Amino acid sequence: MMLYVQRILFALCILMWGGVMLYFYQSPHLDAYLAPKFQSTLLIGGLACCVVALFNLITFRVQTSCGHGDECGHDHEHSHDHEESDLNPFMAILIILVPLIVSLSWTTHKIDEAHIHKQSAQDLDPASMRFLADLPPFTKETLDKTRQKSADGLYQLNLLELFYSAGDSELERVFTGLPFETEGFLRDETNRNPKGNRMRLYRLFMTCCAADMKTIPMSIEFEGDLPNFPANTWVKVGGVMSYEHIDGVTYPVLKVQRIDEAQAPDSGNLYK
């Protein structure tokens, strides 16, 4: 009897994991945890767990041979049970169930603000991050052909593209002095700000999942007073592109002409 209970409870453990994966797959919060190209893997894994668990629940009474026998292939009774486990099945349920309930009950489905504050304050060498970008060679002519402009004539580029341009001498040459419009989160600038007239624009970039998320930053420089926006406000910024070279590292700097609060993108577009 205990063997049957053990089989049922271990199957329920697998079923719970499958159920959680399927729950997150259909959840609107999935984009905050996993990049789109990996989300189908979650669906396949959840379905596989559920199929295996249901199969074990349906067949929990089936007796199987341990594979021992004589030379003619006849099985003999043994005094041991190969399906006994050192882990108590009730303990296995608790080990899985309690953390799942606590995690699902307490999570806010967003990145901790203290973690964002720490990560967004760090500088990155754009040249070392080129593996994240797939930018073709640019000239002023190709920029005109491939990029839209705002109503006041600014090229509209993603913050990641402007950041990566600092790791490419050709892009740096083309972009320097040109007007661009981009968007991102706004915060104070704690690095490379000798005159106190800079703030930092940043975006979160996810390659596979939340665990490997990187914060991509860019300094923005003002001629007058700094704007009075709450920390981590999503803004749209227009200005002239420039670069500075410090200790062998090139940093992009956008000299601000205008800045406005904007509507943040949905979670599916927020981390890319």
Protein backbone atom coordinates (compact mmCIF):
# COMPACT_ATOMS: atom_id res chain seq x y z
CA MET A 1 0.00 0.00 0.00
CA MET A 2 2.79 2.41 0.88
CA LEU A 3 4.33 1.77 -2.53
CA TYR A 4 1.13 2.98 -4.22
CA VAL A 5 1.01 6.11 -2.06
CA GLN A 6 4.64 6.79 -2.91
CA ARG A 7 3.98 6.49 -6.65
CA ILE A 8 0.94 8.79 -6.45
CA LEU A 9 2.70 11.50 -4.45
CA PHE A 10 5.82 11.51 -6.64
CA ALA A 11 3.56 11.79 -9.70
CA LEU A 12 1.78 14.74 -8.05
CA CYS A 13 5.16 16.43 -7.54
CA ILE A 14 5.83 16.23 -11.26
CA LEU A 15 2.29 17.37 -12.03
CA MET A 16 2.73 20.45 -9.82
CA TRP A 17 5.89 21.46 -11.64
CA GLY A 18 4.17 21.01 -14.98
CA GLY A 19 1.18 23.02 -13.78
CA VAL A 20 3.39 25.91 -12.63
CA MET A 21 5.20 26.00 -15.99
CA LEU A 22 1.89 26.06 -17.88
CA TYR A 23 0.56 28.74 -15.51
CA PHE A 24 3.51 31.00 -16.29
CA TYR A 25 3.29 30.25 -20.01
CA GLN A 26 -0.20 31.75 -20.23
CA SER A 27 0.51 34.46 -17.67
CA PRO A 28 0.84 38.10 -18.85
CA HIS A 29 3.93 38.32 -16.60
CA LEU A 30 5.97 35.78 -18.58
CA ASP A 31 7.80 38.48 -20.57
CA ALA A 32 9.30 39.75 -17.32
CA TYR A 33 10.90 36.36 -16.68
CA LEU A 34 11.80 34.85 -20.04
CA ALA A 35 12.77 36.16 -23.48
CA PRO A 36 10.17 35.33 -26.20
CA LYS A 37 12.43 32.92 -28.11
CA PHE A 38 12.66 30.68 -25.02
CA GLN A 39 8.99 30.71 -24.06
CA SER A 40 8.00 27.75 -26.24
CA THR A 41 10.49 25.66 -24.24
CA LEU A 42 8.46 26.41 -21.12
CA LEU A 43 5.29 25.17 -22.83
CA ILE A 44 6.95 21.95 -24.02
CA GLY A 45 8.46 21.29 -20.59
CA GLY A 46 5.16 21.90 -18.81
CA LEU A 47 3.23 19.60 -21.14
CA ALA A 48 5.90 16.89 -20.85
CA CYS A 49 5.77 17.00 -17.04
CA CYS A 50 1.98 16.76 -17.07
CA VAL A 51 1.97 13.83 -19.51
CA VAL A 52 4.56 11.90 -17.47
CA ALA A 53 2.70 12.64 -14.22
CA LEU A 54 -0.70 11.60 -15.58
CA PHE A 55 0.78 8.41 -17.05
CA ASN A 56 2.22 7.50 -13.65
CA LEU A 57 -1.08 8.27 -11.91
CA ILE A 58 -2.99 6.05 -14.34
CA THR A 59 -0.53 3.16 -14.02
CA PHE A 60 0.38 3.43 -10.33
CA ARG A 61 -1.07 -0.06 -9.64
CA VAL A 62 0.86 -1.78 -12.44
CA GLN A 63 3.43 -4.27 -11.21
CA THR A 64 6.72 -4.37 -13.10
CA SER A 65 9.62 -6.80 -13.11
CA CYS A 66 12.93 -5.76 -11.64
CA GLY A 67 14.66 -7.45 -14.60
CA HIS A 68 16.34 -10.21 -12.56
CA GLY A 69 15.80 -13.79 -13.59
CA ASP A 70 17.45 -17.09 -14.41
CA GLU A 71 19.10 -17.94 -17.68
CA CYS A 72 15.73 -18.92 -19.17
CA GLY A 73 14.35 -15.47 -18.42
CA HIS A 74 12.11 -16.55 -15.52
CA ASP A 75 11.62 -13.96 -12.83
CA HIS A 76 11.94 -14.96 -9.19
CA GLU A 77 10.64 -13.33 -6.07
CA HIS A 78 13.02 -11.10 -4.19
CA SER A 79 12.94 -9.84 -0.67
CA HIS A 80 13.72 -6.26 -1.73
CA ASP A 81 11.73 -3.56 -3.51
CA HIS A 82 13.55 -1.60 -6.17
CA GLU A 83 11.01 1.23 -6.08
CA GLU A 84 11.57 2.18 -2.48
CA SER A 85 12.98 5.67 -2.10
CA ASP A 86 15.07 7.19 0.65
CA LEU A 87 12.96 10.36 0.37
CA ASN A 88 9.64 10.31 2.19
CA PRO A 89 6.94 11.10 -0.42
CA PHE A 90 5.12 13.49 1.96
CA MET A 91 8.38 15.35 2.53
CA ALA A 92 8.88 15.57 -1.25
CA ILE A 93 5.46 17.20 -1.59
CA LEU A 94 6.26 19.72 1.14
CA ILE A 95 9.68 20.53 -0.33
CA ILE A 96 8.02 21.44 -3.63
CA LEU A 97 4.65 22.77 -2.50
CA VAL A 98 5.69 25.18 0.25
CA PRO A 99 8.28 27.15 -1.81
CA LEU A 100 5.86 27.29 -4.76
CA ILE A 101 3.01 28.68 -2.66
CA VAL A 102 5.26 31.21 -0.92
CA SER A 103 6.85 32.32 -4.20
CA LEU A 104 3.57 32.71 -6.07
CA SER A 105 1.96 34.51 -3.14
CA TRP A 106 4.73 37.04 -2.49
CA THR A 107 6.11 37.79 -5.94
CA THR A 108 5.31 41.19 -7.48
CA HIS A 109 6.35 40.05 -10.98
CA LYS A 110 8.90 42.83 -11.32
CA ILE A 111 12.59 43.42 -10.69
CA ASP A 112 13.54 44.63 -7.25
CA GLU A 113 14.07 48.40 -7.34
CA ALA A 114 17.22 48.18 -5.22
CA HIS A 115 18.70 45.73 -7.75
CA ILE A 116 17.79 48.03 -10.65
CA HIS A 117 19.30 51.02 -8.83
CA LYS A 118 22.58 49.16 -8.34
CA GLN A 119 22.75 47.71 -11.85
CA SER A 120 21.78 50.91 -13.65
CA ALA A 121 24.58 52.83 -11.89
CA GLN A 122 27.28 50.59 -13.38
CA ASP A 123 29.20 51.56 -16.49
CA LEU A 124 29.73 49.15 -19.37
CA ASP A 125 32.30 49.23 -22.14
CA PRO A 126 30.21 49.31 -25.34
CA ALA A 127 33.00 47.56 -27.26
CA SER A 128 32.79 44.57 -24.93
CA MET A 129 29.04 44.30 -25.51
CA ARG A 130 29.13 44.10 -29.30
CA PHE A 131 28.12 40.44 -29.18
CA LEU A 132 24.63 41.60 -28.13
CA ALA A 133 24.14 43.71 -31.24
CA ASP A 134 23.79 42.87 -34.90
CA LEU A 135 24.22 46.26 -36.55
CA PRO A 136 25.15 46.50 -40.24
CA PRO A 137 27.77 49.04 -41.39
CA PHE A 138 26.28 52.51 -41.35
CA THR A 139 26.77 55.62 -43.44
CA LYS A 140 24.81 58.85 -43.32
CA GLU A 141 22.94 57.70 -46.44
CA THR A 142 21.93 54.32 -44.99
CA LEU A 143 20.85 56.07 -41.80
CA ASP A 144 18.53 58.30 -43.86
CA LYS A 145 17.11 55.28 -45.69
CA THR A 146 16.61 52.93 -42.74
CA ARG A 147 15.56 55.17 -39.85
CA GLN A 148 12.44 57.23 -39.35
CA LYS A 149 12.56 60.79 -38.07
CA SER A 150 10.49 62.55 -35.45
CA ALA A 151 8.28 65.52 -36.30
CA ASP A 152 11.17 67.89 -35.52
CA GLY A 153 13.70 65.98 -37.65
CA LEU A 154 15.49 63.75 -35.11
CA TYR A 155 16.54 60.22 -36.06
CA GLN A 156 14.61 57.69 -33.98
CA LEU A 157 16.90 54.97 -32.60
CA ASN A 158 16.64 52.51 -29.78
CA LEU A 159 18.83 53.28 -26.76
CA LEU A 160 20.65 49.97 -27.29
CA GLU A 161 21.65 51.00 -30.81
CA LEU A 162 23.02 54.33 -29.58
CA PHE A 163 24.92 52.58 -26.81
CA TYR A 164 26.47 50.01 -29.15
CA SER A 165 27.55 52.73 -31.58
CA ALA A 166 30.27 53.65 -29.06
CA GLY A 167 31.90 50.27 -29.70
CA ASP A 168 32.17 50.86 -33.45
CA SER A 169 34.47 53.59 -34.80
CA GLU A 170 32.53 53.83 -38.06
CA LEU A 171 29.19 54.30 -36.31
CA GLU A 172 30.77 56.78 -33.93
CA ARG A 173 32.03 58.84 -36.87
CA VAL A 174 28.60 58.82 -38.56
CA PHE A 175 26.53 59.49 -35.44
CA THR A 176 28.66 62.28 -33.95
CA GLY A 177 26.85 65.61 -34.20
CA LEU A 178 23.61 64.12 -35.53
CA PRO A 179 20.27 64.63 -33.74
CA PHE A 180 18.61 61.53 -32.27
CA GLU A 181 15.48 60.67 -30.33
CA THR A 182 15.36 57.71 -27.98
CA GLU A 183 13.53 56.41 -24.90
CA GLY A 184 14.38 54.79 -21.60
CA PHE A 185 14.25 54.96 -17.82
CA LEU A 186 15.71 58.09 -16.21
CA ARG A 187 17.85 58.24 -13.08
CA ASP A 188 20.67 60.32 -11.58
CA GLU A 189 24.17 59.99 -13.01
CA THR A 190 26.73 58.96 -10.39
CA ASN A 191 29.63 58.39 -12.81
CA ARG A 192 31.50 60.76 -15.12
CA ASN A 193 29.51 63.79 -14.05
CA PRO A 194 32.08 66.46 -13.05
CA LYS A 195 29.80 69.46 -13.68
CA GLY A 196 26.68 67.89 -12.19
CA ASN A 197 24.72 68.54 -15.39
CA ARG A 198 24.12 64.93 -16.41
CA MET A 199 21.54 62.25 -15.82
CA ARG A 200 21.47 58.64 -16.93
CA LEU A 201 19.12 56.99 -19.40
CA TYR A 202 18.98 53.20 -19.25
CA ARG A 203 17.10 50.16 -20.48
CA LEU A 204 16.95 46.56 -19.32
CA PHE A 205 18.08 43.96 -21.83
CA MET A 206 17.18 40.26 -21.55
CA THR A 207 18.92 37.62 -23.69
CA CYS A 208 17.24 34.51 -22.24
CA CYS A 209 15.73 35.13 -18.80
CA ALA A 210 15.52 37.55 -15.89
CA ALA A 211 18.58 35.98 -14.26
CA ASP A 212 20.89 37.24 -17.06
CA MET A 213 19.26 40.65 -17.48
CA LYS A 214 21.68 43.50 -18.15
CA THR A 215 21.23 47.23 -17.68
CA ILE A 216 22.35 49.23 -20.72
CA PRO A 217 23.10 52.88 -19.80
CA MET A 218 23.82 56.16 -21.58
CA SER A 219 24.63 59.56 -20.11
CA ILE A 220 22.50 62.52 -21.16
CA GLU A 221 23.82 66.05 -20.68
CA PHE A 222 21.83 69.25 -20.04
CA GLU A 223 22.80 72.87 -20.69
CA GLY A 224 20.56 74.26 -17.95
CA ASP A 225 18.89 72.87 -14.86
CA LEU A 226 18.20 69.17 -14.56
CA PRO A 227 14.56 68.12 -15.10
CA ASN A 228 12.50 67.23 -12.07
CA PHE A 229 11.27 63.71 -12.83
CA PRO A 230 10.85 60.92 -10.26
CA ALA A 231 13.55 58.24 -10.41
CA ASN A 232 12.96 55.53 -13.03
CA THR A 233 10.45 57.58 -15.01
CA TRP A 234 10.12 56.46 -18.63
CA VAL A 235 11.06 59.43 -20.83
CA LYS A 236 11.52 60.34 -24.49
CA VAL A 237 14.71 62.33 -25.10
CA GLY A 238 15.90 64.27 -28.13
CA GLY A 239 19.40 65.62 -28.53
CA VAL A 240 22.73 65.66 -30.34
CA MET A 241 24.98 62.61 -30.18
CA SER A 242 28.54 62.85 -28.89
CA TYR A 243 31.20 60.55 -27.44
CA GLU A 244 33.89 60.79 -24.81
CA HIS A 245 37.03 58.67 -24.47
CA ILE A 246 38.20 57.85 -20.95
CA ASP A 247 40.99 55.36 -20.13
CA GLY A 248 40.60 53.63 -23.48
CA VAL A 249 36.82 53.27 -23.19
CA THR A 250 34.36 55.15 -25.41
CA TYR A 251 31.12 56.31 -23.78
CA PRO A 252 28.09 57.70 -25.65
CA VAL A 253 26.67 61.02 -24.41
CA LEU A 254 23.46 62.59 -25.71
CA LYS A 255 23.35 66.39 -25.34
CA VAL A 256 19.70 67.04 -24.58
CA GLN A 257 17.55 69.40 -26.60
CA ARG A 258 14.21 68.22 -25.19
CA ILE A 259 12.94 65.64 -22.72
CA ASP A 260 9.37 64.56 -21.98
CA GLU A 261 7.72 61.90 -19.87
CA ALA A 262 6.38 59.10 -22.06
CA GLN A 263 4.23 56.01 -21.84
CA ALA A 264 6.38 52.98 -21.02
CA PRO A 265 6.08 50.04 -23.45
CA ASP A 266 4.27 46.87 -22.45
CA SER A 267 6.24 44.07 -20.81
CA GLY A 268 6.72 42.30 -24.15
CA ASN A 269 8.76 45.22 -25.49
CA LEU A 270 10.23 46.55 -22.27
CA TYR A 271 13.24 44.22 -22.06
CA LYS A 272 14.54 44.48 -25.61
